[in-house]
Amino acid sequence: LPSLMDLRGMPDLFGRELQVSITGHADEIAAAAS
């Protein structure tokens, strides 16, 4: 899976392009599992 997920360039709720959003995807899953 992508441990780090780069969301830059994707639109937000209002269509604005995300500029800095990089998600710690694996960390979020690890925390949920705990």
PDB file of all heavy atoms in Angstrom:
ATOM      1  N   LEU A   1       0.850  -1.187   0.000  1.00  0.00           N
ATOM      2  CA  LEU A   1       0.000   0.000   0.000  1.00  0.00           C
ATOM      3  C   LEU A   1       0.885   1.235   0.000  1.00  0.00           C
ATOM      4  O   LEU A   1       2.079   1.144   0.303  1.00  0.00           O
ATOM      5  CB  LEU A   1      -0.940   0.008   1.205  1.00  0.00           C
ATOM      6  CG  LEU A   1      -0.408   0.431   2.586  1.00  0.00           C
ATOM      7  CD1 LEU A   1      -1.543   0.523   3.582  1.00  0.00           C
ATOM      8  CD2 LEU A   1       0.661  -0.499   3.104  1.00  0.00           C
ATOM      9  N   PRO A   2       0.331   2.399  -0.328  1.00  0.00           N
ATOM     10  CA  PRO A   2       1.131   3.619  -0.225  1.00  0.00           C
ATOM     11  C   PRO A   2       1.229   4.069   1.230  1.00  0.00           C
ATOM     12  O   PRO A   2       0.232   4.464   1.834  1.00  0.00           O
ATOM     13  CB  PRO A   2       0.351   4.631  -1.078  1.00  0.00           C
ATOM     14  CG  PRO A   2      -1.050   4.130  -1.100  1.00  0.00           C
ATOM     15  CD  PRO A   2      -0.994   2.648  -0.930  1.00  0.00           C
ATOM     16  N   SER A   3       2.421   3.988   1.803  1.00  0.00           N
ATOM     17  CA  SER A   3       2.611   4.474   3.170  1.00  0.00           C
ATOM     18  C   SER A   3       2.446   5.984   3.224  1.00  0.00           C
ATOM     19  O   SER A   3       1.899   6.535   4.178  1.00  0.00           O
ATOM     20  CB  SER A   3       4.001   4.087   3.685  1.00  0.00           C
ATOM     21  OG  SER A   3       4.107   2.700   3.839  1.00  0.00           O
ATOM     22  N   LEU A   4       2.944   6.629   2.202  1.00  0.00           N
ATOM     23  CA  LEU A   4       2.852   8.080   2.068  1.00  0.00           C
ATOM     24  C   LEU A   4       2.044   8.350   0.809  1.00  0.00           C
ATOM     25  O   LEU A   4       2.398   7.885  -0.278  1.00  0.00           O
ATOM     26  CB  LEU A   4       4.253   8.674   1.944  1.00  0.00           C
ATOM     27  CG  LEU A   4       4.440  10.161   2.219  1.00  0.00           C
ATOM     28  CD1 LEU A   4       4.186  10.480   3.685  1.00  0.00           C
ATOM     29  CD2 LEU A   4       5.860  10.585   1.850  1.00  0.00           C
ATOM     30  N   MET A   5       0.939   9.092   0.952  1.00  0.00           N
ATOM     31  CA  MET A   5       0.034   9.300  -0.178  1.00  0.00           C
ATOM     32  C   MET A   5       0.013  10.783  -0.538  1.00  0.00           C
ATOM     33  O   MET A   5      -0.403  11.622   0.272  1.00  0.00           O
ATOM     34  CB  MET A   5      -1.368   8.799   0.185  1.00  0.00           C
ATOM     35  CG  MET A   5      -2.256   8.555  -0.991  1.00  0.00           C
ATOM     36  SD  MET A   5      -3.502   7.276  -0.662  1.00  0.00           S
ATOM     37  CE  MET A   5      -4.280   7.867   0.841  1.00  0.00           C
ATOM     38  N   ASP A   6       0.485  11.087  -1.719  1.00  0.00           N
ATOM     39  CA  ASP A   6       0.605  12.474  -2.175  1.00  0.00           C
ATOM     40  C   ASP A   6      -0.711  12.916  -2.821  1.00  0.00           C
ATOM     41  O   ASP A   6      -1.110  12.405  -3.873  1.00  0.00           O
ATOM     42  CB  ASP A   6       1.754  12.585  -3.176  1.00  0.00           C
ATOM     43  CG  ASP A   6       2.149  14.021  -3.480  1.00  0.00           C
ATOM     44  OD1 ASP A   6       1.353  14.941  -3.156  1.00  0.00           O
ATOM     45  OD2 ASP A   6       3.245  14.224  -4.030  1.00  0.00           O
ATOM     46  N   LEU A   7      -1.395  13.857  -2.179  1.00  0.00           N
ATOM     47  CA  LEU A   7      -2.687  14.352  -2.678  1.00  0.00           C
ATOM     48  C   LEU A   7      -2.557  15.691  -3.403  1.00  0.00           C
ATOM     49  O   LEU A   7      -3.568  16.266  -3.818  1.00  0.00           O
ATOM     50  CB  LEU A   7      -3.668  14.498  -1.511  1.00  0.00           C
ATOM     51  CG  LEU A   7      -3.905  13.244  -0.658  1.00  0.00           C
ATOM     52  CD1 LEU A   7      -4.921  13.545   0.436  1.00  0.00           C
ATOM     53  CD2 LEU A   7      -4.356  12.077  -1.508  1.00  0.00           C
ATOM     54  N   ARG A   8      -1.340  16.181  -3.528  1.00  0.00           N
ATOM     55  CA  ARG A   8      -1.154  17.471  -4.190  1.00  0.00           C
ATOM     56  C   ARG A   8      -1.649  17.416  -5.633  1.00  0.00           C
ATOM     57  O   ARG A   8      -1.412  16.447  -6.353  1.00  0.00           O
ATOM     58  CB  ARG A   8       0.323  17.872  -4.150  1.00  0.00           C
ATOM     59  CG  ARG A   8       0.827  18.207  -2.756  1.00  0.00           C
ATOM     60  CD  ARG A   8       2.320  18.458  -2.729  1.00  0.00           C
ATOM     61  NE  ARG A   8       3.060  17.246  -3.092  1.00  0.00           N
ATOM     62  CZ  ARG A   8       4.390  17.176  -3.091  1.00  0.00           C
ATOM     63  NH1 ARG A   8       5.116  18.247  -2.747  1.00  0.00           N
ATOM     64  NH2 ARG A   8       4.994  16.039  -3.428  1.00  0.00           N
ATOM     65  N   GLY A   9      -2.362  18.445  -6.028  1.00  0.00           N
ATOM     66  CA  GLY A   9      -2.934  18.512  -7.368  1.00  0.00           C
ATOM     67  C   GLY A   9      -4.363  18.041  -7.425  1.00  0.00           C
ATOM     68  O   GLY A   9      -5.062  18.304  -8.409  1.00  0.00           O
ATOM     69  N   MET A  10      -4.823  17.355  -6.392  1.00  0.00           N
ATOM     70  CA  MET A  10      -6.219  16.917  -6.363  1.00  0.00           C
ATOM     71  C   MET A  10      -7.105  18.068  -5.878  1.00  0.00           C
ATOM     72  O   MET A  10      -6.651  18.972  -5.168  1.00  0.00           O
ATOM     73  CB  MET A  10      -6.375  15.698  -5.436  1.00  0.00           C
ATOM     74  CG  MET A  10      -5.624  14.466  -5.916  1.00  0.00           C
ATOM     75  SD  MET A  10      -5.862  13.060  -4.793  1.00  0.00           S
ATOM     76  CE  MET A  10      -7.645  12.837  -4.922  1.00  0.00           C
ATOM     77  N   PRO A  11      -8.395  18.062  -6.237  1.00  0.00           N
ATOM     78  CA  PRO A  11      -9.276  19.151  -5.809  1.00  0.00           C
ATOM     79  C   PRO A  11      -9.789  18.947  -4.382  1.00  0.00           C
ATOM     80  O   PRO A  11      -9.972  17.808  -3.935  1.00  0.00           O
ATOM     81  CB  PRO A  11     -10.433  19.065  -6.811  1.00  0.00           C
ATOM     82  CG  PRO A  11     -10.480  17.614  -7.194  1.00  0.00           C
ATOM     83  CD  PRO A  11      -9.056  17.142  -7.181  1.00  0.00           C
ATOM     84  N   ASP A  12     -10.006  20.052  -3.680  1.00  0.00           N
ATOM     85  CA  ASP A  12     -10.682  19.964  -2.388  1.00  0.00           C
ATOM     86  C   ASP A  12     -12.197  19.987  -2.612  1.00  0.00           C
ATOM     87  O   ASP A  12     -12.676  19.873  -3.760  1.00  0.00           O
ATOM     88  CB  ASP A  12     -10.215  21.066  -1.437  1.00  0.00           C
ATOM     89  CG  ASP A  12     -10.697  22.467  -1.840  1.00  0.00           C
ATOM     90  OD1 ASP A  12     -11.493  22.592  -2.811  1.00  0.00           O
ATOM     91  OD2 ASP A  12     -10.296  23.435  -1.179  1.00  0.00           O
ATOM     92  N   LEU A  13     -12.960  20.142  -1.544  1.00  0.00           N
ATOM     93  CA  LEU A  13     -14.416  20.108  -1.627  1.00  0.00           C
ATOM     94  C   LEU A  13     -14.968  21.157  -2.586  1.00  0.00           C
ATOM     95  O   LEU A  13     -16.013  20.962  -3.214  1.00  0.00           O
ATOM     96  CB  LEU A  13     -15.001  20.312  -0.222  1.00  0.00           C
ATOM     97  CG  LEU A  13     -16.513  20.192  -0.051  1.00  0.00           C
ATOM     98  CD1 LEU A  13     -16.987  18.790  -0.422  1.00  0.00           C
ATOM     99  CD2 LEU A  13     -16.906  20.522   1.384  1.00  0.00           C
ATOM    100  N   PHE A  14     -14.242  22.271  -2.725  1.00  0.00           N
ATOM    101  CA  PHE A  14     -14.717  23.384  -3.549  1.00  0.00           C
ATOM    102  C   PHE A  14     -13.939  23.511  -4.857  1.00  0.00           C
ATOM    103  O   PHE A  14     -14.031  24.538  -5.537  1.00  0.00           O
ATOM    104  CB  PHE A  14     -14.641  24.691  -2.753  1.00  0.00           C
ATOM    105  CG  PHE A  14     -15.448  24.651  -1.483  1.00  0.00           C
ATOM    106  CD1 PHE A  14     -14.832  24.441  -0.263  1.00  0.00           C
ATOM    107  CD2 PHE A  14     -16.830  24.785  -1.517  1.00  0.00           C
ATOM    108  CE1 PHE A  14     -15.572  24.378   0.904  1.00  0.00           C
ATOM    109  CE2 PHE A  14     -17.582  24.730  -0.357  1.00  0.00           C
ATOM    110  CZ  PHE A  14     -16.958  24.518   0.862  1.00  0.00           C
ATOM    111  N   GLY A  15     -13.181  22.478  -5.192  1.00  0.00           N
ATOM    112  CA  GLY A  15     -12.486  22.474  -6.471  1.00  0.00           C
ATOM    113  C   GLY A  15     -11.132  23.135  -6.453  1.00  0.00           C
ATOM    114  O   GLY A  15     -10.470  23.189  -7.492  1.00  0.00           O
ATOM    115  N   ARG A  16     -10.703  23.643  -5.293  1.00  0.00           N
ATOM    116  CA  ARG A  16      -9.369  24.235  -5.216  1.00  0.00           C
ATOM    117  C   ARG A  16      -8.322  23.143  -5.200  1.00  0.00           C
ATOM    118  O   ARG A  16      -8.484  22.105  -4.563  1.00  0.00           O
ATOM    119  CB  ARG A  16      -9.239  25.094  -3.960  1.00  0.00           C
ATOM    120  CG  ARG A  16     -10.155  26.302  -3.947  1.00  0.00           C
ATOM    121  CD  ARG A  16      -9.957  27.138  -2.700  1.00  0.00           C
ATOM    122  NE  ARG A  16      -8.600  27.656  -2.616  1.00  0.00           N
ATOM    123  CZ  ARG A  16      -8.148  28.385  -1.597  1.00  0.00           C
ATOM    124  NH1 ARG A  16      -8.943  28.655  -0.564  1.00  0.00           N
ATOM    125  NH2 ARG A  16      -6.926  28.841  -1.588  1.00  0.00           N
ATOM    126  N   GLU A  17      -7.216  23.392  -5.898  1.00  0.00           N
ATOM    127  CA  GLU A  17      -6.164  22.387  -5.991  1.00  0.00           C
ATOM    128  C   GLU A  17      -5.375  22.322  -4.696  1.00  0.00           C
ATOM    129  O   GLU A  17      -4.901  23.330  -4.172  1.00  0.00           O
ATOM    130  CB  GLU A  17      -5.230  22.753  -7.159  1.00  0.00           C
ATOM    131  CG  GLU A  17      -4.164  21.706  -7.420  1.00  0.00           C
ATOM    132  CD  GLU A  17      -3.315  22.067  -8.624  1.00  0.00           C
ATOM    133  OE1 GLU A  17      -3.839  21.983  -9.757  1.00  0.00           O
ATOM    134  OE2 GLU A  17      -2.136  22.448  -8.422  1.00  0.00           O
ATOM    135  N   LEU A  18      -5.227  21.111  -4.158  1.00  0.00           N
ATOM    136  CA  LEU A  18      -4.426  20.919  -2.947  1.00  0.00           C
ATOM    137  C   LEU A  18      -2.961  21.190  -3.259  1.00  0.00           C
ATOM    138  O   LEU A  18      -2.419  20.699  -4.257  1.00  0.00           O
ATOM    139  CB  LEU A  18      -4.605  19.494  -2.415  1.00  0.00           C
ATOM    140  CG  LEU A  18      -6.030  19.102  -1.988  1.00  0.00           C
ATOM    141  CD1 LEU A  18      -6.081  17.620  -1.620  1.00  0.00           C
ATOM    142  CD2 LEU A  18      -6.499  19.959  -0.814  1.00  0.00           C
ATOM    143  N   GLN A  19      -2.314  21.949  -2.385  1.00  0.00           N
ATOM    144  CA  GLN A  19      -0.942  22.382  -2.637  1.00  0.00           C
ATOM    145  C   GLN A  19       0.094  21.624  -1.805  1.00  0.00           C
ATOM    146  O   GLN A  19       1.219  21.397  -2.274  1.00  0.00           O
ATOM    147  CB  GLN A  19      -0.813  23.890  -2.335  1.00  0.00           C
ATOM    148  CG  GLN A  19      -1.720  24.769  -3.172  1.00  0.00           C
ATOM    149  CD  GLN A  19      -1.335  24.765  -4.639  1.00  0.00           C
ATOM    150  OE1 GLN A  19      -0.153  24.749  -4.979  1.00  0.00           O
ATOM    151  NE2 GLN A  19      -2.330  24.771  -5.509  1.00  0.00           N
ATOM    152  N   VAL A  20      -0.247  21.250  -0.585  1.00  0.00           N
ATOM    153  CA  VAL A  20       0.760  20.688   0.326  1.00  0.00           C
ATOM    154  C   VAL A  20       0.318  19.377   0.986  1.00  0.00           C
ATOM    155  O   VAL A  20       1.022  18.856   1.852  1.00  0.00           O
ATOM    156  CB  VAL A  20       1.134  21.699   1.426  1.00  0.00           C
ATOM    157  CG1 VAL A  20       1.793  22.930   0.830  1.00  0.00           C
ATOM    158  CG2 VAL A  20      -0.095  22.099   2.243  1.00  0.00           C
ATOM    159  N   SER A  21      -0.817  18.833   0.619  1.00  0.00           N
ATOM    160  CA  SER A  21      -1.395  17.690   1.334  1.00  0.00           C
ATOM    161  C   SER A  21      -0.709  16.378   0.949  1.00  0.00           C
ATOM    162  O   SER A  21      -0.890  15.867  -0.158  1.00  0.00           O
ATOM    163  CB  SER A  21      -2.899  17.583   1.044  1.00  0.00           C
ATOM    164  OG  SER A  21      -3.576  18.723   1.525  1.00  0.00           O
ATOM    165  N   ILE A  22       0.076  15.873   1.870  1.00  0.00           N
ATOM    166  CA  ILE A  22       0.680  14.548   1.756  1.00  0.00           C
ATOM    167  C   ILE A  22       0.272  13.785   3.011  1.00  0.00           C
ATOM    168  O   ILE A  22       0.553  14.213   4.125  1.00  0.00           O
ATOM    169  CB  ILE A  22       2.210  14.621   1.639  1.00  0.00           C
ATOM    170  CG1 ILE A  22       2.613  15.461   0.418  1.00  0.00           C
ATOM    171  CG2 ILE A  22       2.816  13.224   1.544  1.00  0.00           C
ATOM    172  CD1 ILE A  22       4.107  15.683   0.290  1.00  0.00           C
ATOM    173  N   THR A  23      -0.413  12.657   2.841  1.00  0.00           N
ATOM    174  CA  THR A  23      -1.005  11.936   3.956  1.00  0.00           C
ATOM    175  C   THR A  23      -0.118  10.787   4.417  1.00  0.00           C
ATOM    176  O   THR A  23       0.363   9.998   3.595  1.00  0.00           O
ATOM    177  CB  THR A  23      -2.386  11.358   3.549  1.00  0.00           C
ATOM    178  OG1 THR A  23      -3.223  12.420   3.120  1.00  0.00           O
ATOM    179  CG2 THR A  23      -3.037  10.636   4.721  1.00  0.00           C
ATOM    180  N   GLY A  24       0.089  10.681   5.718  1.00  0.00           N
ATOM    181  CA  GLY A  24       0.787   9.543   6.306  1.00  0.00           C
ATOM    182  C   GLY A  24      -0.177   8.368   6.408  1.00  0.00           C
ATOM    183  O   GLY A  24      -0.599   7.981   7.501  1.00  0.00           O
ATOM    184  N   HIS A  25      -0.489   7.782   5.253  1.00  0.00           N
ATOM    185  CA  HIS A  25      -1.549   6.779   5.148  1.00  0.00           C
ATOM    186  C   HIS A  25      -1.301   5.579   6.069  1.00  0.00           C
ATOM    187  O   HIS A  25      -2.195   5.136   6.809  1.00  0.00           O
ATOM    188  CB  HIS A  25      -1.627   6.330   3.687  1.00  0.00           C
ATOM    189  CG  HIS A  25      -2.739   5.404   3.350  1.00  0.00           C
ATOM    190  ND1 HIS A  25      -4.058   5.676   3.614  1.00  0.00           N
ATOM    191  CD2 HIS A  25      -2.731   4.180   2.743  1.00  0.00           C
ATOM    192  CE1 HIS A  25      -4.806   4.676   3.195  1.00  0.00           C
ATOM    193  NE2 HIS A  25      -4.036   3.753   2.671  1.00  0.00           N
ATOM    194  N   ALA A  26      -0.088   5.047   6.040  1.00  0.00           N
ATOM    195  CA  ALA A  26       0.217   3.870   6.860  1.00  0.00           C
ATOM    196  C   ALA A  26       0.190   4.202   8.349  1.00  0.00           C
ATOM    197  O   ALA A  26      -0.218   3.371   9.169  1.00  0.00           O
ATOM    198  CB  ALA A  26       1.573   3.293   6.472  1.00  0.00           C
ATOM    199  N   ASP A  27       0.614   5.405   8.712  1.00  0.00           N
ATOM    200  CA  ASP A  27       0.553   5.811  10.124  1.00  0.00           C
ATOM    201  C   ASP A  27      -0.893   5.880  10.609  1.00  0.00           C
ATOM    202  O   ASP A  27      -1.203   5.494  11.744  1.00  0.00           O
ATOM    203  CB  ASP A  27       1.211   7.181  10.323  1.00  0.00           C
ATOM    204  CG  ASP A  27       2.730   7.095  10.405  1.00  0.00           C
ATOM    205  OD1 ASP A  27       3.264   5.981  10.552  1.00  0.00           O
ATOM    206  OD2 ASP A  27       3.383   8.156  10.333  1.00  0.00           O
ATOM    207  N   GLU A  28      -1.788   6.390   9.761  1.00  0.00           N
ATOM    208  CA  GLU A  28      -3.190   6.476  10.160  1.00  0.00           C
ATOM    209  C   GLU A  28      -3.778   5.089  10.397  1.00  0.00           C
ATOM    210  O   GLU A  28      -4.532   4.861  11.347  1.00  0.00           O
ATOM    211  CB  GLU A  28      -3.985   7.218   9.080  1.00  0.00           C
ATOM    212  CG  GLU A  28      -3.630   8.696   8.984  1.00  0.00           C
ATOM    213  CD  GLU A  28      -4.495   9.442   7.978  1.00  0.00           C
ATOM    214  OE1 GLU A  28      -4.785   8.857   6.903  1.00  0.00           O
ATOM    215  OE2 GLU A  28      -4.877  10.574   8.250  1.00  0.00           O
ATOM    216  N   ILE A  29      -3.424   4.143   9.527  1.00  0.00           N
ATOM    217  CA  ILE A  29      -3.916   2.773   9.691  1.00  0.00           C
ATOM    218  C   ILE A  29      -3.314   2.142  10.943  1.00  0.00           C
ATOM    219  O   ILE A  29      -4.002   1.451  11.716  1.00  0.00           O
ATOM    220  CB  ILE A  29      -3.584   1.933   8.446  1.00  0.00           C
ATOM    221  CG1 ILE A  29      -4.241   2.538   7.202  1.00  0.00           C
ATOM    222  CG2 ILE A  29      -4.034   0.483   8.631  1.00  0.00           C
ATOM    223  CD1 ILE A  29      -3.759   1.927   5.897  1.00  0.00           C
ATOM    224  N   ALA A  30      -2.017   2.374  11.161  1.00  0.00           N
ATOM    225  CA  ALA A  30      -1.341   1.817  12.334  1.00  0.00           C
ATOM    226  C   ALA A  30      -1.985   2.312  13.623  1.00  0.00           C
ATOM    227  O   ALA A  30      -2.185   1.541  14.575  1.00  0.00           O
ATOM    228  CB  ALA A  30       0.141   2.188  12.306  1.00  0.00           C
ATOM    229  N   ALA A  31      -2.319   3.597  13.665  1.00  0.00           N
ATOM    230  CA  ALA A  31      -2.936   4.162  14.864  1.00  0.00           C
ATOM    231  C   ALA A  31      -4.335   3.602  15.081  1.00  0.00           C
ATOM    232  O   ALA A  31      -4.726   3.266  16.206  1.00  0.00           O
ATOM    233  CB  ALA A  31      -2.988   5.687  14.750  1.00  0.00           C
ATOM    234  N   ALA A  32      -5.099   3.468  13.993  1.00  0.00           N
ATOM    235  CA  ALA A  32      -6.448   2.910  14.111  1.00  0.00           C
ATOM    236  C   ALA A  32      -6.398   1.480  14.644  1.00  0.00           C
ATOM    237  O   ALA A  32      -7.184   1.095  15.511  1.00  0.00           O
ATOM    238  CB  ALA A  32      -7.152   2.962  12.757  1.00  0.00           C
ATOM    239  N   ALA A  33      -5.473   0.691  14.140  1.00  0.00           N
ATOM    240  CA  ALA A  33      -5.365  -0.703  14.571  1.00  0.00           C
ATOM    241  C   ALA A  33      -5.046  -0.807  16.055  1.00  0.00           C
ATOM    242  O   ALA A  33      -5.512  -1.724  16.740  1.00  0.00           O
ATOM    243  CB  ALA A  33      -4.297  -1.420  13.747  1.00  0.00           C
ATOM    244  N   SER A  34      -4.253   0.135  16.571  1.00  0.00           N
ATOM    245  CA  SER A  34      -3.855   0.056  17.977  1.00  0.00           C
ATOM    246  C   SER A  34      -5.026   0.268  18.922  1.00  0.00           C
ATOM    247  O   SER A  34      -4.961  -0.121  20.094  1.00  0.00           O
ATOM    248  CB  SER A  34      -2.748   1.071  18.280  1.00  0.00           C
ATOM    249  OG  SER A  34      -3.247   2.391  18.271  1.00  0.00           O
TER     250      SER A  34
END
